[in-house]
Structures are given as structure tokens and as C-alpha cells.
Amino acid sequence: METATTHRGTLGIDIINPDSCDLAWRMLANVKLIHTDPEKIWKTADNNIKNALKRYPPSPKEIKEKKQQWAKEDAAKKPSQPQ
């Protein structure tokens, strides 16, 4: 009998504004790790980082959309107020 194990990995990179110490940009990559060779795992991570950094800095439109998304998520987390 054979069993298969699936591993998932998450890589996060935060870019912090040095003047304000605020978060300027965040990248999260969630991938299924299909390799057991550390070199291949790092190559996959490196490719994810390169692809994410192609989208930095975000456009004004992307920033606006992300702020709207966060506002919706924040509103969904708040308990509803009785009227």
C-alpha cells in the first residue's frame, strides 16, 4: 500500500515604508509543494517572488480596489449592531 503526502507552503514578504514604519506592500504565495528536493523548492519560491515583484509598485487602481476589499472584510468581521 502506498500513501501520498501533500505539503503546502506559504511564503510571505512584507515591504515596510522606512519613514512611517507602515506596511507598504505584502505578497503572500500559497503553493502545493510537489518537490522534495530543496533546490527545486527554492526555485519555485524564487519564481513566485519574481512574479509578485513584477506587480510592485501597485497601480492607483489596484490600491483603490484593495482598500475596498479590506473595507468589506472589516465590515464583515464587525458584529452587527442591534437597532
Protein backbone atom coordinates (compact mmCIF):
# COMPACT_ATOMS: atom_id res chain seq x y z
CA MET A 1 0.00 0.00 0.00
CA GLU A 2 1.21 3.49 -0.84
CA THR A 3 0.30 6.74 0.79
CA ALA A 4 0.73 10.16 -0.66
CA THR A 5 1.52 13.23 1.35
CA THR A 6 0.77 16.67 0.03
CA HIS A 7 2.62 19.58 1.53
CA ARG A 8 1.56 23.18 1.17
CA GLY A 9 3.82 26.10 1.71
CA THR A 10 3.13 29.76 2.31
CA LEU A 11 5.68 32.44 1.65
CA GLY A 12 5.05 35.97 2.84
CA ILE A 13 7.03 39.10 2.10
CA ASP A 14 6.24 42.48 3.65
CA ILE A 15 7.73 45.72 2.37
CA ILE A 16 7.75 48.37 5.09
CA ASN A 17 7.91 52.12 4.48
CA PRO A 18 11.06 53.16 6.39
CA ASP A 19 9.74 56.67 7.06
CA SER A 20 6.40 55.76 8.59
CA CYS A 21 7.09 52.12 9.54
CA ASP A 22 3.75 51.29 7.87
CA LEU A 23 3.14 48.32 5.63
CA ALA A 24 3.71 49.46 2.05
CA TRP A 25 3.07 46.17 0.25
CA ARG A 26 2.53 42.50 1.06
CA MET A 27 2.97 39.39 -1.03
CA LEU A 28 1.60 36.01 0.01
CA ALA A 29 2.16 32.93 -2.10
CA ASN A 30 0.41 29.67 -1.25
CA VAL A 31 1.62 26.72 -3.26
CA LYS A 32 1.45 22.98 -3.18
CA LEU A 33 4.98 21.62 -2.85
CA ILE A 34 5.39 18.80 -5.30
CA HIS A 35 9.15 18.53 -4.93
CA THR A 36 11.20 17.06 -2.13
CA ASP A 37 14.47 18.43 -3.46
CA PRO A 38 15.30 21.67 -1.58
CA GLU A 39 16.81 23.19 -4.73
CA LYS A 40 13.54 22.71 -6.64
CA ILE A 41 11.52 24.08 -3.71
CA TRP A 42 13.65 27.24 -3.62
CA LYS A 43 13.42 27.57 -7.39
CA THR A 44 9.61 27.51 -7.10
CA ALA A 45 9.76 30.12 -4.32
CA ASP A 46 12.14 32.28 -6.35
CA ASN A 47 9.79 32.20 -9.35
CA ASN A 48 6.84 33.21 -7.14
CA ILE A 49 8.82 36.11 -5.71
CA LYS A 50 9.92 37.33 -9.15
CA ASN A 51 6.34 37.16 -10.47
CA ALA A 52 4.97 39.03 -7.46
CA LEU A 53 7.58 41.77 -7.62
CA LYS A 54 6.65 42.42 -11.26
CA ARG A 55 3.41 43.85 -9.84
CA TYR A 56 5.22 46.24 -7.46
CA PRO A 57 4.53 49.05 -7.02
CA PRO A 58 0.78 48.61 -7.37
CA SER A 59 -1.15 50.97 -9.61
CA PRO A 60 -3.53 53.53 -8.07
CA LYS A 61 -6.43 51.40 -9.36
CA GLU A 62 -5.06 48.30 -7.61
CA ILE A 63 -4.60 50.26 -4.38
CA LYS A 64 -8.19 51.53 -4.52
CA GLU A 65 -9.55 48.02 -5.20
CA LYS A 66 -7.51 46.56 -2.34
CA LYS A 67 -8.74 49.24 0.08
CA GLN A 68 -12.34 48.48 -0.94
CA GLN A 69 -11.72 44.77 -0.39
CA TRP A 70 -10.26 45.43 3.08
CA ALA A 71 -13.20 47.66 3.99
CA LYS A 72 -15.64 44.87 3.05
CA GLU A 73 -13.64 42.32 5.04
CA ASP A 74 -13.52 44.64 8.07
CA ALA A 75 -17.27 45.27 7.85
CA ALA A 76 -17.95 41.53 7.70
CA LYS A 77 -15.87 40.95 10.85
CA LYS A 78 -17.71 43.54 12.95
CA PRO A 79 -20.70 42.21 14.87
CA SER A 80 -23.97 43.67 13.71
CA GLN A 81 -25.40 46.38 15.95
CA PRO A 82 -28.93 45.87 17.29
CA GLN A 83 -31.35 48.61 16.26
